[in-house]
Amino acid sequence: MKKLFLFAIIVTAAFSCAKKVSQEKTPAKEPQKEKIVGADSDAHGCKGSAGYTWSVLKKECIRVFEGIRLNHAEDGKTYTTVAYVIFEGNKAELFLDTQKGSIILERKSEGDSWTKDDYQLIPWKGYVLKKAGKILYTGQ
């Protein structure tokens, strides 16, 4: 009898400590919109996920990293930024990580530097990009 009584107490304690299941209904989750891979085209149809950016100069989607890479100029600090430039005739299109759009630079004749506003791209030991006379980037 003692064993039966002890067994009843253990069973009752086990069920009283069990996690109670809520009877409330949980709201149904809204179905997730399916994301299509490669459906990230911009206003010009360029796919950013594939590395394409719109070039105003070439009037087509390009991969800027296939252009000329300019590394941040050395000034004792470590940077991970780069600039890219592509050329078309006497124009150069400059892509900076600090600018939302590209910058179109022009030069008057062969051998001159490309300029626009404060920016100046100089063909010297590769290329040197200056802004307001300060060297920002250099590259081959």
C-alpha atoms as a PDB file:
ATOM      1  CA  MET A   1       0.000   0.000   0.000  1.00  0.00           C
ATOM      2  CA  LYS A   2       2.841   2.333   0.853  1.00  0.00           C
ATOM      3  CA  LYS A   3       4.378   1.680  -2.573  1.00  0.00           C
ATOM      4  CA  LEU A   4       1.099   2.516  -4.336  1.00  0.00           C
ATOM      5  CA  PHE A   5       0.711   5.698  -2.295  1.00  0.00           C
ATOM      6  CA  LEU A   6       4.323   6.724  -3.021  1.00  0.00           C
ATOM      7  CA  PHE A   7       3.811   5.988  -6.739  1.00  0.00           C
ATOM      8  CA  ALA A   8       0.663   8.175  -6.811  1.00  0.00           C
ATOM      9  CA  ILE A   9       2.527  11.077  -5.191  1.00  0.00           C
ATOM     10  CA  ILE A  10       5.394  10.819  -7.699  1.00  0.00           C
ATOM     11  CA  VAL A  11       3.002  10.713 -10.694  1.00  0.00           C
ATOM     12  CA  THR A  12       1.006  13.657  -9.338  1.00  0.00           C
ATOM     13  CA  ALA A  13       4.203  15.677  -8.733  1.00  0.00           C
ATOM     14  CA  ALA A  14       5.504  14.884 -12.201  1.00  0.00           C
ATOM     15  CA  PHE A  15       2.321  16.086 -13.945  1.00  0.00           C
ATOM     16  CA  SER A  16       1.980  19.160 -11.758  1.00  0.00           C
ATOM     17  CA  CYS A  17       5.539  20.262 -12.650  1.00  0.00           C
ATOM     18  CA  ALA A  18       5.107  19.593 -16.360  1.00  0.00           C
ATOM     19  CA  LYS A  19       5.066  22.558 -18.748  1.00  0.00           C
ATOM     20  CA  LYS A  20       1.539  23.712 -19.394  1.00  0.00           C
ATOM     21  CA  VAL A  21       0.612  24.060 -23.047  1.00  0.00           C
ATOM     22  CA  SER A  22      -1.087  27.340 -23.822  1.00  0.00           C
ATOM     23  CA  GLN A  23      -4.595  27.041 -25.177  1.00  0.00           C
ATOM     24  CA  GLU A  24      -4.389  30.429 -26.842  1.00  0.00           C
ATOM     25  CA  LYS A  25      -4.190  30.538 -30.585  1.00  0.00           C
ATOM     26  CA  THR A  26      -0.990  32.077 -31.951  1.00  0.00           C
ATOM     27  CA  PRO A  27      -1.472  34.441 -34.869  1.00  0.00           C
ATOM     28  CA  ALA A  28      -0.560  32.912 -38.206  1.00  0.00           C
ATOM     29  CA  LYS A  29       2.704  34.164 -39.633  1.00  0.00           C
ATOM     30  CA  GLU A  30       2.494  36.153 -42.811  1.00  0.00           C
ATOM     31  CA  PRO A  31       4.047  34.290 -45.706  1.00  0.00           C
ATOM     32  CA  GLN A  32       7.552  35.501 -46.518  1.00  0.00           C
ATOM     33  CA  LYS A  33       8.005  37.063 -49.907  1.00  0.00           C
ATOM     34  CA  GLU A  34      10.342  34.923 -51.923  1.00  0.00           C
ATOM     35  CA  LYS A  35      13.555  36.691 -52.861  1.00  0.00           C
ATOM     36  CA  ILE A  36      14.752  35.892 -56.316  1.00  0.00           C
ATOM     37  CA  VAL A  37      18.504  35.587 -56.646  1.00  0.00           C
ATOM     38  CA  GLY A  38      19.879  38.201 -59.050  1.00  0.00           C
ATOM     39  CA  ALA A  39      16.765  40.384 -58.817  1.00  0.00           C
ATOM     40  CA  ASP A  40      18.652  43.342 -57.415  1.00  0.00           C
ATOM     41  CA  SER A  41      18.760  45.429 -60.579  1.00  0.00           C
ATOM     42  CA  ASP A  42      19.091  49.191 -60.151  1.00  0.00           C
ATOM     43  CA  ALA A  43      17.278  51.852 -62.201  1.00  0.00           C
ATOM     44  CA  HIS A  44      19.553  51.121 -65.187  1.00  0.00           C
ATOM     45  CA  GLY A  45      19.231  47.339 -64.944  1.00  0.00           C
ATOM     46  CA  CYS A  46      22.702  46.850 -63.417  1.00  0.00           C
ATOM     47  CA  LYS A  47      22.965  43.920 -60.996  1.00  0.00           C
ATOM     48  CA  GLY A  48      24.874  45.053 -57.918  1.00  0.00           C
ATOM     49  CA  SER A  49      25.157  41.493 -56.577  1.00  0.00           C
ATOM     50  CA  ALA A  50      27.184  40.621 -59.678  1.00  0.00           C
ATOM     51  CA  GLY A  51      29.418  43.680 -59.186  1.00  0.00           C
ATOM     52  CA  TYR A  52      27.872  45.852 -61.893  1.00  0.00           C
ATOM     53  CA  THR A  53      27.483  49.635 -61.629  1.00  0.00           C
ATOM     54  CA  TRP A  54      26.075  52.102 -64.153  1.00  0.00           C
ATOM     55  CA  SER A  55      28.696  54.063 -66.049  1.00  0.00           C
ATOM     56  CA  VAL A  56      27.546  57.494 -67.195  1.00  0.00           C
ATOM     57  CA  LEU A  57      30.571  57.714 -69.461  1.00  0.00           C
ATOM     58  CA  LYS A  58      30.146  54.358 -71.235  1.00  0.00           C
ATOM     59  CA  LYS A  59      26.343  54.330 -70.916  1.00  0.00           C
ATOM     60  CA  GLU A  60      26.327  50.695 -69.844  1.00  0.00           C
ATOM     61  CA  CYS A  61      26.683  48.491 -66.786  1.00  0.00           C
ATOM     62  CA  ILE A  62      30.328  47.938 -65.899  1.00  0.00           C
ATOM     63  CA  ARG A  63      32.346  46.295 -63.154  1.00  0.00           C
ATOM     64  CA  VAL A  64      34.412  49.163 -61.775  1.00  0.00           C
ATOM     65  CA  PHE A  65      36.992  46.858 -60.230  1.00  0.00           C
ATOM     66  CA  GLU A  66      38.064  45.932 -63.759  1.00  0.00           C
ATOM     67  CA  GLY A  67      39.141  49.560 -64.310  1.00  0.00           C
ATOM     68  CA  ILE A  68      42.203  51.320 -62.941  1.00  0.00           C
ATOM     69  CA  ARG A  69      42.493  50.889 -59.178  1.00  0.00           C
ATOM     70  CA  LEU A  70      43.768  53.824 -57.141  1.00  0.00           C
ATOM     71  CA  ASN A  71      44.880  53.125 -53.567  1.00  0.00           C
ATOM     72  CA  HIS A  72      44.507  55.620 -50.762  1.00  0.00           C
ATOM     73  CA  ALA A  73      47.586  57.819 -50.461  1.00  0.00           C
ATOM     74  CA  GLU A  74      49.995  57.061 -47.637  1.00  0.00           C
ATOM     75  CA  ASP A  75      49.853  59.557 -44.785  1.00  0.00           C
ATOM     76  CA  GLY A  76      50.813  57.353 -41.861  1.00  0.00           C
ATOM     77  CA  LYS A  77      47.302  55.955 -41.454  1.00  0.00           C
ATOM     78  CA  THR A  78      45.872  52.642 -42.628  1.00  0.00           C
ATOM     79  CA  TYR A  79      42.917  52.793 -44.996  1.00  0.00           C
ATOM     80  CA  THR A  80      40.917  50.158 -46.785  1.00  0.00           C
ATOM     81  CA  THR A  81      39.373  52.485 -49.351  1.00  0.00           C
ATOM     82  CA  VAL A  82      40.089  52.518 -53.048  1.00  0.00           C
ATOM     83  CA  ALA A  83      38.928  54.537 -56.009  1.00  0.00           C
ATOM     84  CA  TYR A  84      38.393  53.281 -59.544  1.00  0.00           C
ATOM     85  CA  VAL A  85      38.632  55.150 -62.806  1.00  0.00           C
ATOM     86  CA  ILE A  86      37.704  54.251 -66.371  1.00  0.00           C
ATOM     87  CA  PHE A  87      38.674  56.182 -69.474  1.00  0.00           C
ATOM     88  CA  GLU A  88      36.841  57.063 -72.676  1.00  0.00           C
ATOM     89  CA  GLY A  89      38.605  59.467 -75.030  1.00  0.00           C
ATOM     90  CA  ASN A  90      39.455  62.673 -73.149  1.00  0.00           C
ATOM     91  CA  LYS A  91      37.098  61.835 -70.281  1.00  0.00           C
ATOM     92  CA  ALA A  92      37.612  59.809 -67.138  1.00  0.00           C
ATOM     93  CA  GLU A  93      34.880  58.515 -64.856  1.00  0.00           C
ATOM     94  CA  LEU A  94      35.859  58.397 -61.212  1.00  0.00           C
ATOM     95  CA  PHE A  95      34.186  56.055 -58.711  1.00  0.00           C
ATOM     96  CA  LEU A  96      34.819  56.911 -55.059  1.00  0.00           C
ATOM     97  CA  ASP A  97      33.413  55.094 -52.054  1.00  0.00           C
ATOM     98  CA  THR A  98      32.648  58.486 -50.497  1.00  0.00           C
ATOM     99  CA  GLN A  99      30.436  59.577 -53.432  1.00  0.00           C
ATOM    100  CA  LYS A 100      27.043  58.150 -54.285  1.00  0.00           C
ATOM    101  CA  GLY A 101      27.464  58.693 -58.016  1.00  0.00           C
ATOM    102  CA  SER A 102      30.477  58.842 -60.248  1.00  0.00           C
ATOM    103  CA  ILE A 103      32.398  61.993 -61.188  1.00  0.00           C
ATOM    104  CA  ILE A 104      33.215  62.781 -64.820  1.00  0.00           C
ATOM    105  CA  LEU A 105      36.622  64.412 -65.281  1.00  0.00           C
ATOM    106  CA  GLU A 106      37.769  65.967 -68.572  1.00  0.00           C
ATOM    107  CA  ARG A 107      41.095  66.927 -70.056  1.00  0.00           C
ATOM    108  CA  LYS A 108      41.798  69.389 -72.858  1.00  0.00           C
ATOM    109  CA  SER A 109      44.483  67.427 -74.706  1.00  0.00           C
ATOM    110  CA  GLU A 110      46.739  64.375 -74.570  1.00  0.00           C
ATOM    111  CA  GLY A 111      49.189  64.561 -71.647  1.00  0.00           C
ATOM    112  CA  ASP A 112      47.053  66.994 -69.616  1.00  0.00           C
ATOM    113  CA  SER A 113      45.399  66.026 -66.354  1.00  0.00           C
ATOM    114  CA  TRP A 114      41.676  65.320 -66.091  1.00  0.00           C
ATOM    115  CA  THR A 115      39.833  67.868 -63.932  1.00  0.00           C
ATOM    116  CA  LYS A 116      36.450  68.765 -62.514  1.00  0.00           C
ATOM    117  CA  ASP A 117      35.861  71.260 -59.705  1.00  0.00           C
ATOM    118  CA  ASP A 118      38.448  70.471 -56.987  1.00  0.00           C
ATOM    119  CA  TYR A 119      39.361  67.056 -58.418  1.00  0.00           C
ATOM    120  CA  GLN A 120      42.452  66.543 -60.562  1.00  0.00           C
ATOM    121  CA  LEU A 121      43.645  63.198 -61.960  1.00  0.00           C
ATOM    122  CA  ILE A 122      47.285  63.460 -63.003  1.00  0.00           C
ATOM    123  CA  PRO A 123      49.021  60.873 -65.219  1.00  0.00           C
ATOM    124  CA  TRP A 124      52.284  60.649 -63.248  1.00  0.00           C
ATOM    125  CA  LYS A 125      53.969  57.325 -62.307  1.00  0.00           C
ATOM    126  CA  GLY A 126      50.610  55.745 -62.978  1.00  0.00           C
ATOM    127  CA  TYR A 127      47.920  58.112 -61.718  1.00  0.00           C
ATOM    128  CA  VAL A 128      47.575  60.554 -58.843  1.00  0.00           C
ATOM    129  CA  LEU A 129      44.168  61.831 -57.718  1.00  0.00           C
ATOM    130  CA  LYS A 130      44.136  65.170 -55.920  1.00  0.00           C
ATOM    131  CA  LYS A 131      41.317  67.137 -54.357  1.00  0.00           C
ATOM    132  CA  ALA A 132      41.997  70.808 -53.613  1.00  0.00           C
ATOM    133  CA  GLY A 133      45.717  70.150 -54.070  1.00  0.00           C
ATOM    134  CA  LYS A 134      45.850  67.291 -51.539  1.00  0.00           C
ATOM    135  CA  ILE A 135      46.794  63.833 -52.807  1.00  0.00           C
ATOM    136  CA  LEU A 136      43.985  61.361 -52.098  1.00  0.00           C
ATOM    137  CA  TYR A 137      44.807  58.293 -54.166  1.00  0.00           C
ATOM    138  CA  THR A 138      47.659  56.907 -56.262  1.00  0.00           C
ATOM    139  CA  GLY A 139      47.781  53.906 -58.550  1.00  0.00           C
ATOM    140  CA  GLN A 140      48.954  52.257 -61.735  1.00  0.00           C
END
